[in-house]
Amino acid sequence: MRDTRESRLLLVLLIAIAFALITVDIRGGQESPVDGARQAAAAVFGRSRTVWPPPSTP
């Protein structure tokens, strides 16, 4: 990907949105507006531990 002004602006915008979502999530506590998305991500990515367990040490 070429390093253009638009790509840098997109990167800055995505980082700003990420920080805003983190702030809203932290301030919301248990009643966070992004709690549903967090639980959905935990359900999807949490299963990967049971599907691919880490190798056991001898």
PDB file of N, CA and C in Angstrom:
ATOM      1  N   MET A   1       0.840  -1.176   0.000  1.00  0.00           N
ATOM      2  CA  MET A   1       0.000   0.000   0.000  1.00  0.00           C
ATOM      3  C   MET A   1       0.882   1.234   0.000  1.00  0.00           C
ATOM      4  N   ARG A   2       0.539   2.178  -0.802  1.00  0.00           N
ATOM      5  CA  ARG A   2       1.318   3.396  -0.894  1.00  0.00           C
ATOM      6  C   ARG A   2       1.042   4.284   0.305  1.00  0.00           C
ATOM      7  N   ASP A   3       2.074   4.948   0.777  1.00  0.00           N
ATOM      8  CA  ASP A   3       1.947   5.851   1.913  1.00  0.00           C
ATOM      9  C   ASP A   3       1.449   7.198   1.408  1.00  0.00           C
ATOM     10  N   THR A   4       0.151   7.326   1.368  1.00  0.00           N
ATOM     11  CA  THR A   4      -0.441   8.565   0.887  1.00  0.00           C
ATOM     12  C   THR A   4      -1.046   9.330   2.054  1.00  0.00           C
ATOM     13  N   ARG A   5      -1.430  10.523   1.784  1.00  0.00           N
ATOM     14  CA  ARG A   5      -2.051  11.355   2.815  1.00  0.00           C
ATOM     15  C   ARG A   5      -3.364  10.735   3.276  1.00  0.00           C
ATOM     16  N   GLU A   6      -4.112  10.139   2.342  1.00  0.00           N
ATOM     17  CA  GLU A   6      -5.384   9.516   2.691  1.00  0.00           C
ATOM     18  C   GLU A   6      -5.187   8.311   3.602  1.00  0.00           C
ATOM     19  N   SER A   7      -4.156   7.508   3.341  1.00  0.00           N
ATOM     20  CA  SER A   7      -3.928   6.333   4.179  1.00  0.00           C
ATOM     21  C   SER A   7      -3.517   6.739   5.589  1.00  0.00           C
ATOM     22  N   ARG A   8      -2.717   7.781   5.720  1.00  0.00           N
ATOM     23  CA  ARG A   8      -2.342   8.270   7.047  1.00  0.00           C
ATOM     24  C   ARG A   8      -3.538   8.843   7.781  1.00  0.00           C
ATOM     25  N   LEU A   9      -4.398   9.553   7.068  1.00  0.00           N
ATOM     26  CA  LEU A   9      -5.606  10.108   7.676  1.00  0.00           C
ATOM     27  C   LEU A   9      -6.532   8.984   8.141  1.00  0.00           C
ATOM     28  N   LEU A  10      -6.662   7.941   7.346  1.00  0.00           N
ATOM     29  CA  LEU A  10      -7.485   6.801   7.731  1.00  0.00           C
ATOM     30  C   LEU A  10      -6.933   6.125   8.983  1.00  0.00           C
ATOM     31  N   LEU A  11      -5.629   5.962   9.055  1.00  0.00           N
ATOM     32  CA  LEU A  11      -5.008   5.360  10.224  1.00  0.00           C
ATOM     33  C   LEU A  11      -5.267   6.188  11.479  1.00  0.00           C
ATOM     34  N   VAL A  12      -5.092   7.490  11.389  1.00  0.00           N
ATOM     35  CA  VAL A  12      -5.342   8.374  12.530  1.00  0.00           C
ATOM     36  C   VAL A  12      -6.809   8.314  12.938  1.00  0.00           C
ATOM     37  N   LEU A  13      -7.705   8.278  11.971  1.00  0.00           N
ATOM     38  CA  LEU A  13      -9.133   8.203  12.257  1.00  0.00           C
ATOM     39  C   LEU A  13      -9.485   6.892  12.965  1.00  0.00           C
ATOM     40  N   LEU A  14      -8.959   5.783  12.490  1.00  0.00           N
ATOM     41  CA  LEU A  14      -9.229   4.498  13.121  1.00  0.00           C
ATOM     42  C   LEU A  14      -8.683   4.428  14.543  1.00  0.00           C
ATOM     43  N   ILE A  15      -7.505   4.986  14.769  1.00  0.00           N
ATOM     44  CA  ILE A  15      -6.934   5.011  16.121  1.00  0.00           C
ATOM     45  C   ILE A  15      -7.777   5.881  17.043  1.00  0.00           C
ATOM     46  N   ALA A  16      -8.247   7.029  16.549  1.00  0.00           N
ATOM     47  CA  ALA A  16      -9.096   7.909  17.359  1.00  0.00           C
ATOM     48  C   ALA A  16     -10.411   7.223  17.719  1.00  0.00           C
ATOM     49  N   ILE A  17     -10.997   6.505  16.778  1.00  0.00           N
ATOM     50  CA  ILE A  17     -12.237   5.777  17.054  1.00  0.00           C
ATOM     51  C   ILE A  17     -11.987   4.678  18.085  1.00  0.00           C
ATOM     52  N   ALA A  18     -10.865   3.987  17.974  1.00  0.00           N
ATOM     53  CA  ALA A  18     -10.538   2.931  18.935  1.00  0.00           C
ATOM     54  C   ALA A  18     -10.415   3.506  20.345  1.00  0.00           C
ATOM     55  N   PHE A  19      -9.712   4.627  20.491  1.00  0.00           N
ATOM     56  CA  PHE A  19      -9.582   5.246  21.809  1.00  0.00           C
ATOM     57  C   PHE A  19     -10.928   5.725  22.341  1.00  0.00           C
ATOM     58  N   ALA A  20     -11.772   6.250  21.474  1.00  0.00           N
ATOM     59  CA  ALA A  20     -13.100   6.695  21.901  1.00  0.00           C
ATOM     60  C   ALA A  20     -13.929   5.512  22.394  1.00  0.00           C
ATOM     61  N   LEU A  21     -13.894   4.395  21.685  1.00  0.00           N
ATOM     62  CA  LEU A  21     -14.639   3.205  22.115  1.00  0.00           C
ATOM     63  C   LEU A  21     -14.111   2.656  23.432  1.00  0.00           C
ATOM     64  N   ILE A  22     -12.808   2.668  23.614  1.00  0.00           N
ATOM     65  CA  ILE A  22     -12.221   2.207  24.871  1.00  0.00           C
ATOM     66  C   ILE A  22     -12.670   3.095  26.022  1.00  0.00           C
ATOM     67  N   THR A  23     -12.665   4.409  25.803  1.00  0.00           N
ATOM     68  CA  THR A  23     -13.088   5.345  26.837  1.00  0.00           C
ATOM     69  C   THR A  23     -14.556   5.148  27.200  1.00  0.00           C
ATOM     70  N   VAL A  24     -15.409   5.004  26.201  1.00  0.00           N
ATOM     71  CA  VAL A  24     -16.833   4.787  26.459  1.00  0.00           C
ATOM     72  C   VAL A  24     -17.035   3.477  27.206  1.00  0.00           C
ATOM     73  N   ASP A  25     -16.294   2.448  26.841  1.00  0.00           N
ATOM     74  CA  ASP A  25     -16.430   1.148  27.487  1.00  0.00           C
ATOM     75  C   ASP A  25     -15.991   1.206  28.948  1.00  0.00           C
ATOM     76  N   ILE A  26     -14.889   1.877  29.220  1.00  0.00           N
ATOM     77  CA  ILE A  26     -14.387   1.964  30.588  1.00  0.00           C
ATOM     78  C   ILE A  26     -15.340   2.762  31.470  1.00  0.00           C
ATOM     79  N   ARG A  27     -15.821   3.875  30.982  1.00  0.00           N
ATOM     80  CA  ARG A  27     -16.713   4.724  31.776  1.00  0.00           C
ATOM     81  C   ARG A  27     -18.079   4.097  31.977  1.00  0.00           C
ATOM     82  N   GLY A  28     -18.480   3.213  31.086  1.00  0.00           N
ATOM     83  CA  GLY A  28     -19.790   2.595  31.191  1.00  0.00           C
ATOM     84  C   GLY A  28     -19.868   1.489  32.221  1.00  0.00           C
ATOM     85  N   GLY A  29     -18.738   0.887  32.553  1.00  0.00           N
ATOM     86  CA  GLY A  29     -18.730  -0.210  33.517  1.00  0.00           C
ATOM     87  C   GLY A  29     -19.562  -1.381  33.032  1.00  0.00           C
ATOM     88  N   GLN A  30     -20.400  -1.926  33.919  1.00  0.00           N
ATOM     89  CA  GLN A  30     -21.237  -3.061  33.558  1.00  0.00           C
ATOM     90  C   GLN A  30     -22.361  -2.665  32.613  1.00  0.00           C
ATOM     91  N   GLU A  31     -22.727  -1.406  32.591  1.00  0.00           N
ATOM     92  CA  GLU A  31     -23.807  -0.911  31.730  1.00  0.00           C
ATOM     93  C   GLU A  31     -23.253  -0.242  30.473  1.00  0.00           C
ATOM     94  N   SER A  32     -22.118  -0.688  30.021  1.00  0.00           N
ATOM     95  CA  SER A  32     -21.452  -0.093  28.871  1.00  0.00           C
ATOM     96  C   SER A  32     -22.267  -0.286  27.591  1.00  0.00           C
ATOM     97  N   PRO A  33     -22.333   0.741  26.747  1.00  0.00           N
ATOM     98  CA  PRO A  33     -23.054   0.590  25.483  1.00  0.00           C
ATOM     99  C   PRO A  33     -22.391  -0.390  24.510  1.00  0.00           C
ATOM    100  N   VAL A  34     -21.123  -0.695  24.713  1.00  0.00           N
ATOM    101  CA  VAL A  34     -20.442  -1.641  23.831  1.00  0.00           C
ATOM    102  C   VAL A  34     -20.318  -3.021  24.472  1.00  0.00           C
ATOM    103  N   ASP A  35     -21.075  -3.263  25.547  1.00  0.00           N
ATOM    104  CA  ASP A  35     -21.011  -4.541  26.242  1.00  0.00           C
ATOM    105  C   ASP A  35     -21.466  -5.691  25.343  1.00  0.00           C
ATOM    106  N   GLY A  36     -22.476  -5.460  24.542  1.00  0.00           N
ATOM    107  CA  GLY A  36     -22.955  -6.511  23.638  1.00  0.00           C
ATOM    108  C   GLY A  36     -21.896  -6.926  22.639  1.00  0.00           C
ATOM    109  N   ALA A  37     -21.199  -5.952  22.074  1.00  0.00           N
ATOM    110  CA  ALA A  37     -20.134  -6.266  21.114  1.00  0.00           C
ATOM    111  C   ALA A  37     -18.980  -6.989  21.806  1.00  0.00           C
ATOM    112  N   ARG A  38     -18.674  -6.588  23.033  1.00  0.00           N
ATOM    113  CA  ARG A  38     -17.601  -7.249  23.776  1.00  0.00           C
ATOM    114  C   ARG A  38     -17.962  -8.696  24.076  1.00  0.00           C
ATOM    115  N   GLN A  39     -19.209  -8.944  24.471  1.00  0.00           N
ATOM    116  CA  GLN A  39     -19.639 -10.312  24.754  1.00  0.00           C
ATOM    117  C   GLN A  39     -19.664 -11.171  23.488  1.00  0.00           C
ATOM    118  N   ALA A  40     -20.056 -10.574  22.369  1.00  0.00           N
ATOM    119  CA  ALA A  40     -20.059 -11.316  21.105  1.00  0.00           C
ATOM    120  C   ALA A  40     -18.639 -11.690  20.696  1.00  0.00           C
ATOM    121  N   ALA A  41     -17.703 -10.749  20.846  1.00  0.00           N
ATOM    122  CA  ALA A  41     -16.308 -11.039  20.508  1.00  0.00           C
ATOM    123  C   ALA A  41     -15.738 -12.103  21.439  1.00  0.00           C
ATOM    124  N   ALA A  42     -16.106 -12.047  22.718  1.00  0.00           N
ATOM    125  CA  ALA A  42     -15.632 -13.057  23.668  1.00  0.00           C
ATOM    126  C   ALA A  42     -16.189 -14.434  23.320  1.00  0.00           C
ATOM    127  N   ALA A  43     -17.436 -14.468  22.857  1.00  0.00           N
ATOM    128  CA  ALA A  43     -18.028 -15.745  22.479  1.00  0.00           C
ATOM    129  C   ALA A  43     -17.326 -16.331  21.259  1.00  0.00           C
ATOM    130  N   VAL A  44     -16.981 -15.490  20.300  1.00  0.00           N
ATOM    131  CA  VAL A  44     -16.332 -15.971  19.079  1.00  0.00           C
ATOM    132  C   VAL A  44     -14.880 -16.349  19.341  1.00  0.00           C
ATOM    133  N   PHE A  45     -14.130 -15.426  19.963  1.00  0.00           N
ATOM    134  CA  PHE A  45     -12.704 -15.662  20.153  1.00  0.00           C
ATOM    135  C   PHE A  45     -12.404 -16.501  21.387  1.00  0.00           C
ATOM    136  N   GLY A  46     -13.323 -16.567  22.323  1.00  0.00           N
ATOM    137  CA  GLY A  46     -13.121 -17.384  23.509  1.00  0.00           C
ATOM    138  C   GLY A  46     -13.160 -18.862  23.192  1.00  0.00           C
ATOM    139  N   ARG A  47     -13.887 -19.240  22.165  1.00  0.00           N
ATOM    140  CA  ARG A  47     -13.979 -20.644  21.770  1.00  0.00           C
ATOM    141  C   ARG A  47     -12.683 -21.161  21.170  1.00  0.00           C
ATOM    142  N   SER A  48     -11.870 -20.287  20.655  1.00  0.00           N
ATOM    143  CA  SER A  48     -10.636 -20.736  20.015  1.00  0.00           C
ATOM    144  C   SER A  48      -9.720 -21.442  21.006  1.00  0.00           C
ATOM    145  N   ARG A  49      -9.830 -21.131  22.276  1.00  0.00           N
ATOM    146  CA  ARG A  49      -9.000 -21.804  23.272  1.00  0.00           C
ATOM    147  C   ARG A  49      -9.422 -23.258  23.431  1.00  0.00           C
ATOM    148  N   THR A  50     -10.716 -23.518  23.309  1.00  0.00           N
ATOM    149  CA  THR A  50     -11.155 -24.897  23.464  1.00  0.00           C
ATOM    150  C   THR A  50     -10.952 -25.690  22.177  1.00  0.00           C
ATOM    151  N   VAL A  51     -10.954 -25.009  21.039  1.00  0.00           N
ATOM    152  CA  VAL A  51     -10.754 -25.697  19.764  1.00  0.00           C
ATOM    153  C   VAL A  51      -9.276 -26.000  19.558  1.00  0.00           C
ATOM    154  N   TRP A  52      -8.426 -25.025  19.865  1.00  0.00           N
ATOM    155  CA  TRP A  52      -6.989 -25.195  19.701  1.00  0.00           C
ATOM    156  C   TRP A  52      -6.296 -24.978  21.044  1.00  0.00           C
ATOM    157  N   PRO A  53      -6.306 -25.974  21.904  1.00  0.00           N
ATOM    158  CA  PRO A  53      -5.645 -25.769  23.216  1.00  0.00           C
ATOM    159  C   PRO A  53      -4.138 -25.690  23.039  1.00  0.00           C
ATOM    160  N   PRO A  54      -3.477 -24.970  23.918  1.00  0.00           N
ATOM    161  CA  PRO A  54      -2.009 -24.904  23.831  1.00  0.00           C
ATOM    162  C   PRO A  54      -1.404 -26.273  24.127  1.00  0.00           C
ATOM    163  N   PRO A  55      -0.261 -26.561  23.551  1.00  0.00           N
ATOM    164  CA  PRO A  55       0.355 -27.870  23.795  1.00  0.00           C
ATOM    165  C   PRO A  55       0.743 -28.012  25.263  1.00  0.00           C
ATOM    166  N   SER A  56       0.570 -29.207  25.778  1.00  0.00           N
ATOM    167  CA  SER A  56       0.920 -29.453  27.174  1.00  0.00           C
ATOM    168  C   SER A  56       2.412 -29.703  27.291  1.00  0.00           C
ATOM    169  N   THR A  57       2.947 -29.313  28.415  1.00  0.00           N
ATOM    170  CA  THR A  57       4.379 -29.531  28.647  1.00  0.00           C
ATOM    171  C   THR A  57       4.582 -30.872  29.327  1.00  0.00           C
ATOM    172  N   PRO A  58       5.625 -31.582  28.950  1.00  0.00           N
ATOM    173  CA  PRO A  58       5.863 -32.920  29.537  1.00  0.00           C
ATOM    174  C   PRO A  58       6.316 -32.843  30.977  1.00  0.00           C
TER     175      PRO A  58
END
